[in-house]
Amino acid sequence: MWRFVTIAAVILTATASALGQVQQPPPAPGTGPLPPSQPIPLIQKAPHEVEGMVKRVDPVSGTVQVSPGSLGLGGRTLEITGDTAIQVEGRQGGLVDLREGSRVKASYETTRDGKSVATRIQIVPAAK
């Protein structure tokens, strides 16, 4: 009986030791935590588009709210980054060129945390 208990204890110890030595594979790229210096990866590389009126410009947070409908329904808040291309009448512009009431066409990408990051914003000239 003691021999059986001794053998069972040896087998359990060896199994526990072997399981403790199993190495976990590294996380797949883009699934592990990111160092603070890297940007948040995008969920989808294909840009989305929104066209409508600028309802609000917030230079402090670097965001622009664009609403495609006249009632403000379906609006999208876009983050402006240093990589956002803003075009005004064929020239490179900036956040200061975006004014409430301006008509714009914007492309954006969605981050993992649900933010919409503008890649391009074009101010659409007013109809004459």
N, C-alpha and C. Protein backbone atom coordinates (compact mmCIF):
# COMPACT_ATOMS: atom_id res chain seq x y z
N MET A 1 0.82 -1.19 0.00
CA MET A 1 0.00 0.00 0.00
C MET A 1 0.86 1.25 0.00
N TRP A 2 1.93 1.26 0.84
CA TRP A 2 2.81 2.43 0.88
C TRP A 2 3.51 2.62 -0.45
N ARG A 3 3.80 1.49 -1.12
CA ARG A 3 4.45 1.59 -2.42
C ARG A 3 3.54 2.30 -3.41
N PHE A 4 2.24 1.98 -3.40
CA PHE A 4 1.27 2.62 -4.28
C PHE A 4 1.18 4.12 -3.99
N VAL A 5 1.13 4.49 -2.71
CA VAL A 5 1.05 5.89 -2.32
C VAL A 5 2.32 6.62 -2.74
N THR A 6 3.47 6.00 -2.56
CA THR A 6 4.75 6.61 -2.94
C THR A 6 4.81 6.81 -4.46
N ILE A 7 4.39 5.82 -5.22
CA ILE A 7 4.41 5.93 -6.69
C ILE A 7 3.44 7.03 -7.14
N ALA A 8 2.26 7.08 -6.55
CA ALA A 8 1.28 8.11 -6.91
C ALA A 8 1.82 9.50 -6.59
N ALA A 9 2.50 9.65 -5.46
CA ALA A 9 3.07 10.94 -5.08
C ALA A 9 4.16 11.35 -6.05
N VAL A 10 5.00 10.40 -6.48
CA VAL A 10 6.07 10.70 -7.44
C VAL A 10 5.46 11.14 -8.77
N ILE A 11 4.42 10.44 -9.21
CA ILE A 11 3.77 10.79 -10.49
C ILE A 11 3.13 12.17 -10.40
N LEU A 12 2.43 12.47 -9.32
CA LEU A 12 1.82 13.79 -9.16
C LEU A 12 2.87 14.90 -9.12
N THR A 13 3.96 14.67 -8.43
CA THR A 13 5.03 15.66 -8.34
C THR A 13 5.65 15.90 -9.71
N ALA A 14 5.90 14.84 -10.45
CA ALA A 14 6.50 14.96 -11.78
C ALA A 14 5.55 15.68 -12.73
N THR A 15 4.26 15.36 -12.66
CA THR A 15 3.27 16.00 -13.53
C THR A 15 3.15 17.49 -13.20
N ALA A 16 3.07 17.83 -11.93
CA ALA A 16 2.97 19.23 -11.52
C ALA A 16 4.22 19.99 -11.94
N SER A 17 5.37 19.38 -11.82
CA SER A 17 6.62 20.03 -12.21
C SER A 17 6.65 20.26 -13.71
N ALA A 18 6.21 19.27 -14.49
CA ALA A 18 6.19 19.40 -15.95
C ALA A 18 5.20 20.47 -16.38
N LEU A 19 4.05 20.53 -15.73
CA LEU A 19 3.07 21.55 -16.09
C LEU A 19 3.56 22.94 -15.75
N GLY A 20 4.31 23.06 -14.68
CA GLY A 20 4.84 24.36 -14.29
C GLY A 20 5.90 24.88 -15.24
N GLN A 21 6.51 23.97 -16.02
CA GLN A 21 7.57 24.37 -16.93
C GLN A 21 7.07 24.64 -18.34
N VAL A 22 5.80 24.40 -18.58
CA VAL A 22 5.25 24.66 -19.90
C VAL A 22 5.25 26.16 -20.13
N GLN A 23 5.85 26.57 -21.22
CA GLN A 23 5.92 28.00 -21.51
C GLN A 23 4.71 28.41 -22.33
N GLN A 24 4.17 29.55 -21.97
CA GLN A 24 3.06 30.09 -22.73
C GLN A 24 3.63 30.77 -23.97
N PRO A 25 2.99 30.59 -25.12
CA PRO A 25 3.47 31.28 -26.32
C PRO A 25 3.27 32.78 -26.16
N PRO A 26 4.12 33.57 -26.80
CA PRO A 26 3.94 35.03 -26.70
C PRO A 26 2.62 35.41 -27.36
N PRO A 27 2.01 36.52 -26.93
CA PRO A 27 0.75 36.93 -27.54
C PRO A 27 0.96 37.27 -29.01
N ALA A 28 -0.07 37.04 -29.79
CA ALA A 28 -0.02 37.37 -31.21
C ALA A 28 0.17 38.88 -31.36
N PRO A 29 0.83 39.31 -32.43
CA PRO A 29 1.03 40.75 -32.63
C PRO A 29 -0.29 41.50 -32.59
N GLY A 30 -0.28 42.59 -31.87
CA GLY A 30 -1.47 43.44 -31.79
C GLY A 30 -2.47 43.02 -30.73
N THR A 31 -2.19 41.92 -29.99
CA THR A 31 -3.15 41.48 -28.98
C THR A 31 -2.69 41.73 -27.56
N GLY A 32 -1.41 41.94 -27.36
CA GLY A 32 -0.89 42.17 -26.01
C GLY A 32 -0.93 43.64 -25.66
N PRO A 33 -0.59 43.97 -24.42
CA PRO A 33 -0.56 45.38 -24.03
C PRO A 33 0.53 46.12 -24.79
N LEU A 34 0.26 47.36 -25.13
CA LEU A 34 1.20 48.17 -25.90
C LEU A 34 2.03 49.05 -24.98
N PRO A 35 3.29 49.23 -25.34
CA PRO A 35 4.08 50.21 -24.59
C PRO A 35 3.46 51.59 -24.78
N PRO A 36 3.60 52.49 -23.83
CA PRO A 36 2.96 53.80 -23.92
C PRO A 36 3.39 54.62 -25.13
N SER A 37 4.55 54.31 -25.71
CA SER A 37 5.05 55.11 -26.81
C SER A 37 4.41 54.76 -28.15
N GLN A 38 3.68 53.66 -28.23
CA GLN A 38 3.09 53.26 -29.49
C GLN A 38 1.64 53.73 -29.58
N PRO A 39 1.19 54.09 -30.80
CA PRO A 39 -0.19 54.50 -30.96
C PRO A 39 -1.13 53.31 -30.78
N ILE A 40 -2.39 53.60 -30.49
CA ILE A 40 -3.39 52.55 -30.36
C ILE A 40 -3.64 51.96 -31.74
N PRO A 41 -3.56 50.64 -31.87
CA PRO A 41 -3.78 50.04 -33.19
C PRO A 41 -5.23 50.18 -33.63
N LEU A 42 -5.41 50.25 -34.92
CA LEU A 42 -6.73 50.41 -35.48
C LEU A 42 -7.41 49.06 -35.62
N ILE A 43 -8.72 49.05 -35.45
CA ILE A 43 -9.49 47.83 -35.65
C ILE A 43 -9.56 47.54 -37.14
N GLN A 44 -9.80 48.57 -37.91
CA GLN A 44 -10.04 48.39 -39.32
C GLN A 44 -9.23 49.42 -40.08
N LYS A 45 -8.41 48.95 -41.01
CA LYS A 45 -7.60 49.88 -41.80
C LYS A 45 -8.41 50.61 -42.85
N ALA A 46 -9.45 49.97 -43.37
CA ALA A 46 -10.26 50.61 -44.40
C ALA A 46 -10.94 51.83 -43.81
N PRO A 47 -10.75 52.99 -44.42
CA PRO A 47 -11.35 54.20 -43.84
C PRO A 47 -12.86 54.24 -44.04
N HIS A 48 -13.50 54.83 -43.07
CA HIS A 48 -14.94 55.13 -43.16
C HIS A 48 -15.04 56.56 -43.65
N GLU A 49 -16.20 56.95 -44.10
CA GLU A 49 -16.38 58.33 -44.54
C GLU A 49 -17.64 58.93 -43.95
N VAL A 50 -17.57 60.22 -43.72
CA VAL A 50 -18.73 60.98 -43.29
C VAL A 50 -18.68 62.32 -44.02
N GLU A 51 -19.84 62.77 -44.45
CA GLU A 51 -19.93 64.07 -45.11
C GLU A 51 -21.07 64.83 -44.47
N GLY A 52 -20.81 66.08 -44.15
CA GLY A 52 -21.86 66.88 -43.52
C GLY A 52 -21.32 68.20 -43.00
N MET A 53 -22.06 68.77 -42.06
CA MET A 53 -21.71 70.07 -41.50
C MET A 53 -20.90 69.90 -40.23
N VAL A 54 -19.95 70.80 -40.03
CA VAL A 54 -19.20 70.84 -38.79
C VAL A 54 -20.11 71.46 -37.74
N LYS A 55 -20.40 70.68 -36.71
CA LYS A 55 -21.28 71.16 -35.64
C LYS A 55 -20.50 71.76 -34.49
N ARG A 56 -19.28 71.25 -34.29
CA ARG A 56 -18.48 71.74 -33.16
C ARG A 56 -17.01 71.48 -33.44
N VAL A 57 -16.18 72.45 -33.08
CA VAL A 57 -14.73 72.31 -33.16
C VAL A 57 -14.19 72.55 -31.75
N ASP A 58 -13.42 71.58 -31.24
CA ASP A 58 -12.83 71.72 -29.91
C ASP A 58 -11.31 71.66 -30.05
N PRO A 59 -10.66 72.83 -30.13
CA PRO A 59 -9.20 72.84 -30.32
C PRO A 59 -8.44 72.29 -29.11
N VAL A 60 -9.03 72.36 -27.92
CA VAL A 60 -8.35 71.86 -26.72
C VAL A 60 -8.20 70.34 -26.78
N SER A 61 -9.30 69.63 -27.12
CA SER A 61 -9.22 68.17 -27.20
C SER A 61 -8.83 67.70 -28.58
N GLY A 62 -8.77 68.61 -29.56
CA GLY A 62 -8.40 68.24 -30.92
C GLY A 62 -9.45 67.39 -31.60
N THR A 63 -10.73 67.77 -31.42
CA THR A 63 -11.81 67.01 -32.03
C THR A 63 -12.72 67.92 -32.84
N VAL A 64 -13.40 67.29 -33.79
CA VAL A 64 -14.37 67.98 -34.64
C VAL A 64 -15.61 67.09 -34.69
N GLN A 65 -16.77 67.69 -34.49
CA GLN A 65 -18.01 66.93 -34.59
C GLN A 65 -18.65 67.24 -35.93
N VAL A 66 -18.88 66.18 -36.72
CA VAL A 66 -19.48 66.32 -38.05
C VAL A 66 -20.83 65.63 -38.04
N SER A 67 -21.85 66.32 -38.55
CA SER A 67 -23.20 65.76 -38.58
C SER A 67 -23.71 65.74 -40.02
N PRO A 68 -24.03 64.53 -40.52
CA PRO A 68 -24.51 64.44 -41.90
C PRO A 68 -25.94 64.94 -42.09
N GLY A 69 -26.76 64.91 -41.04
CA GLY A 69 -28.15 65.32 -41.16
C GLY A 69 -28.37 66.74 -40.68
N SER A 70 -29.47 67.33 -41.14
CA SER A 70 -29.77 68.70 -40.73
C SER A 70 -30.21 68.77 -39.26
N LEU A 71 -30.68 67.67 -38.70
CA LEU A 71 -31.11 67.65 -37.30
C LEU A 71 -29.98 67.28 -36.35
N GLY A 72 -28.82 67.02 -36.89
CA GLY A 72 -27.68 66.66 -36.04
C GLY A 72 -27.65 65.19 -35.68
N LEU A 73 -28.51 64.40 -36.31
CA LEU A 73 -28.55 62.96 -36.03
C LEU A 73 -27.44 62.24 -36.79
N GLY A 74 -26.92 61.21 -36.18
CA GLY A 74 -25.88 60.42 -36.85
C GLY A 74 -24.54 61.10 -36.89
N GLY A 75 -24.32 62.05 -35.99
CA GLY A 75 -23.05 62.77 -35.97
C GLY A 75 -21.90 61.90 -35.53
N ARG A 76 -20.71 62.33 -35.86
CA ARG A 76 -19.50 61.60 -35.54
C ARG A 76 -18.47 62.59 -35.02
N THR A 77 -17.86 62.26 -33.87
CA THR A 77 -16.79 63.08 -33.34
C THR A 77 -15.47 62.48 -33.81
N LEU A 78 -14.69 63.29 -34.51
CA LEU A 78 -13.43 62.85 -35.09
C LEU A 78 -12.26 63.46 -34.33
N GLU A 79 -11.29 62.63 -34.00
CA GLU A 79 -10.05 63.12 -33.39
C GLU A 79 -9.12 63.57 -34.51
N ILE A 80 -8.51 64.73 -34.30
CA ILE A 80 -7.54 65.25 -35.26
C ILE A 80 -6.15 64.98 -34.69
N THR A 81 -5.28 64.39 -35.51
CA THR A 81 -3.91 64.11 -35.08
C THR A 81 -2.94 64.84 -36.01
N GLY A 82 -1.67 64.71 -35.73
CA GLY A 82 -0.66 65.30 -36.60
C GLY A 82 -0.64 64.66 -37.98
N ASP A 83 -1.22 63.48 -38.10
CA ASP A 83 -1.27 62.78 -39.39
C ASP A 83 -2.53 63.10 -40.19
N THR A 84 -3.46 63.86 -39.61
CA THR A 84 -4.70 64.19 -40.31
C THR A 84 -4.41 65.24 -41.38
N ALA A 85 -4.77 64.92 -42.62
CA ALA A 85 -4.61 65.86 -43.73
C ALA A 85 -5.88 66.70 -43.84
N ILE A 86 -5.75 68.01 -43.67
CA ILE A 86 -6.90 68.91 -43.79
C ILE A 86 -6.68 69.76 -45.03
N GLN A 87 -7.65 69.71 -45.96
CA GLN A 87 -7.52 70.44 -47.22
C GLN A 87 -8.56 71.54 -47.30
N VAL A 88 -8.08 72.74 -47.65
CA VAL A 88 -8.94 73.90 -47.81
C VAL A 88 -8.66 74.48 -49.19
N GLU A 89 -9.64 74.38 -50.09
CA GLU A 89 -9.51 74.91 -51.44
C GLU A 89 -8.20 74.50 -52.11
N GLY A 90 -7.87 73.23 -51.99
CA GLY A 90 -6.69 72.69 -52.66
C GLY A 90 -5.37 72.90 -51.93
N ARG A 91 -5.36 73.57 -50.80
CA ARG A 91 -4.12 73.76 -50.05
C ARG A 91 -4.20 73.06 -48.71
N GLN A 92 -3.03 72.78 -48.13
CA GLN A 92 -2.96 72.15 -46.81
C GLN A 92 -3.42 73.13 -45.75
N GLY A 93 -4.35 72.69 -44.90
CA GLY A 93 -4.85 73.55 -43.84
C GLY A 93 -4.60 72.92 -42.48
N GLY A 94 -5.27 73.43 -41.49
CA GLY A 94 -5.12 72.92 -40.13
C GLY A 94 -6.44 73.00 -39.39
N LEU A 95 -6.41 72.64 -38.13
CA LEU A 95 -7.61 72.64 -37.30
C LEU A 95 -8.25 74.03 -37.24
N VAL A 96 -7.43 75.07 -37.30
CA VAL A 96 -7.96 76.44 -37.23
C VAL A 96 -8.81 76.78 -38.45
N ASP A 97 -8.65 76.03 -39.54
CA ASP A 97 -9.44 76.29 -40.75
C ASP A 97 -10.83 75.67 -40.70
N LEU A 98 -11.06 74.77 -39.75
CA LEU A 98 -12.37 74.13 -39.62
C LEU A 98 -13.27 75.02 -38.78
N ARG A 99 -14.38 75.44 -39.36
CA ARG A 99 -15.30 76.34 -38.68
C ARG A 99 -16.68 75.68 -38.56
N GLU A 100 -17.36 75.98 -37.48
CA GLU A 100 -18.72 75.49 -37.32
C GLU A 100 -19.57 75.98 -38.48
N GLY A 101 -20.36 75.08 -39.06
CA GLY A 101 -21.20 75.41 -40.20
C GLY A 101 -20.56 75.09 -41.53
N SER A 102 -19.25 74.83 -41.55
CA SER A 102 -18.58 74.46 -42.80
C SER A 102 -19.03 73.07 -43.23
N ARG A 103 -19.13 72.87 -44.52
CA ARG A 103 -19.46 71.55 -45.06
C ARG A 103 -18.13 70.83 -45.33
N VAL A 104 -18.03 69.58 -44.84
CA VAL A 104 -16.79 68.82 -44.98
C VAL A 104 -17.08 67.39 -45.44
N LYS A 105 -16.04 66.80 -46.00
CA LYS A 105 -16.04 65.38 -46.32
C LYS A 105 -14.83 64.81 -45.60
N ALA A 106 -15.04 63.81 -44.76
CA ALA A 106 -13.95 63.29 -43.93
C ALA A 106 -13.83 61.78 -44.03
N SER A 107 -12.59 61.31 -44.00
CA SER A 107 -12.29 59.88 -43.89
C SER A 107 -11.72 59.65 -42.51
N TYR A 108 -12.08 58.54 -41.89
CA TYR A 108 -11.59 58.24 -40.55
C TYR A 108 -11.45 56.74 -40.36
N GLU A 109 -10.66 56.38 -39.36
CA GLU A 109 -10.46 54.99 -38.97
C GLU A 109 -10.86 54.85 -37.52
N THR A 110 -11.31 53.66 -37.14
CA THR A 110 -11.77 53.40 -35.78
C THR A 110 -10.70 52.65 -35.00
N THR A 111 -10.40 53.12 -33.78
CA THR A 111 -9.41 52.47 -32.93
C THR A 111 -10.07 51.37 -32.11
N ARG A 112 -9.24 50.58 -31.45
CA ARG A 112 -9.77 49.49 -30.62
C ARG A 112 -10.68 49.99 -29.51
N ASP A 113 -10.41 51.19 -29.02
CA ASP A 113 -11.25 51.70 -27.94
C ASP A 113 -12.46 52.49 -28.46
N GLY A 114 -12.74 52.40 -29.75
CA GLY A 114 -13.94 52.99 -30.32
C GLY A 114 -13.84 54.42 -30.78
N LYS A 115 -12.65 55.02 -30.70
CA LYS A 115 -12.50 56.40 -31.14
C LYS A 115 -12.39 56.45 -32.67
N SER A 116 -12.88 57.54 -33.23
CA SER A 116 -12.78 57.77 -34.67
C SER A 116 -11.67 58.77 -34.91
N VAL A 117 -10.61 58.34 -35.60
CA VAL A 117 -9.45 59.18 -35.85
C VAL A 117 -9.48 59.61 -37.32
N ALA A 118 -9.56 60.91 -37.54
CA ALA A 118 -9.63 61.44 -38.90
C ALA A 118 -8.30 61.25 -39.62
N THR A 119 -8.35 60.72 -40.83
CA THR A 119 -7.16 60.61 -41.66
C THR A 119 -7.11 61.74 -42.68
N ARG A 120 -8.32 62.20 -43.11
CA ARG A 120 -8.39 63.28 -44.09
C ARG A 120 -9.69 64.03 -43.90
N ILE A 121 -9.60 65.34 -43.95
CA ILE A 121 -10.80 66.19 -43.92
C ILE A 121 -10.66 67.20 -45.04
N GLN A 122 -11.69 67.27 -45.88
CA GLN A 122 -11.69 68.22 -46.98
C GLN A 122 -12.87 69.16 -46.79
N ILE A 123 -12.59 70.45 -46.79
CA ILE A 123 -13.66 71.43 -46.70
C ILE A 123 -14.28 71.56 -48.09
N VAL A 124 -15.57 71.32 -48.14
CA VAL A 124 -16.28 71.37 -49.42
C VAL A 124 -16.68 72.82 -49.67
N PRO A 125 -16.28 73.37 -50.84
CA PRO A 125 -16.63 74.77 -51.12
C PRO A 125 -18.15 74.97 -51.17
N ALA A 126 -18.59 76.12 -50.71
CA ALA A 126 -20.01 76.45 -50.73
C ALA A 126 -20.47 76.60 -52.16
N ALA A 127 -21.68 76.14 -52.44
CA ALA A 127 -22.24 76.25 -53.81
C ALA A 127 -22.48 77.73 -54.12
N LYS A 128 -22.14 78.08 -55.36
CA LYS A 128 -22.29 79.49 -55.76
C LYS A 128 -23.53 79.68 -56.60
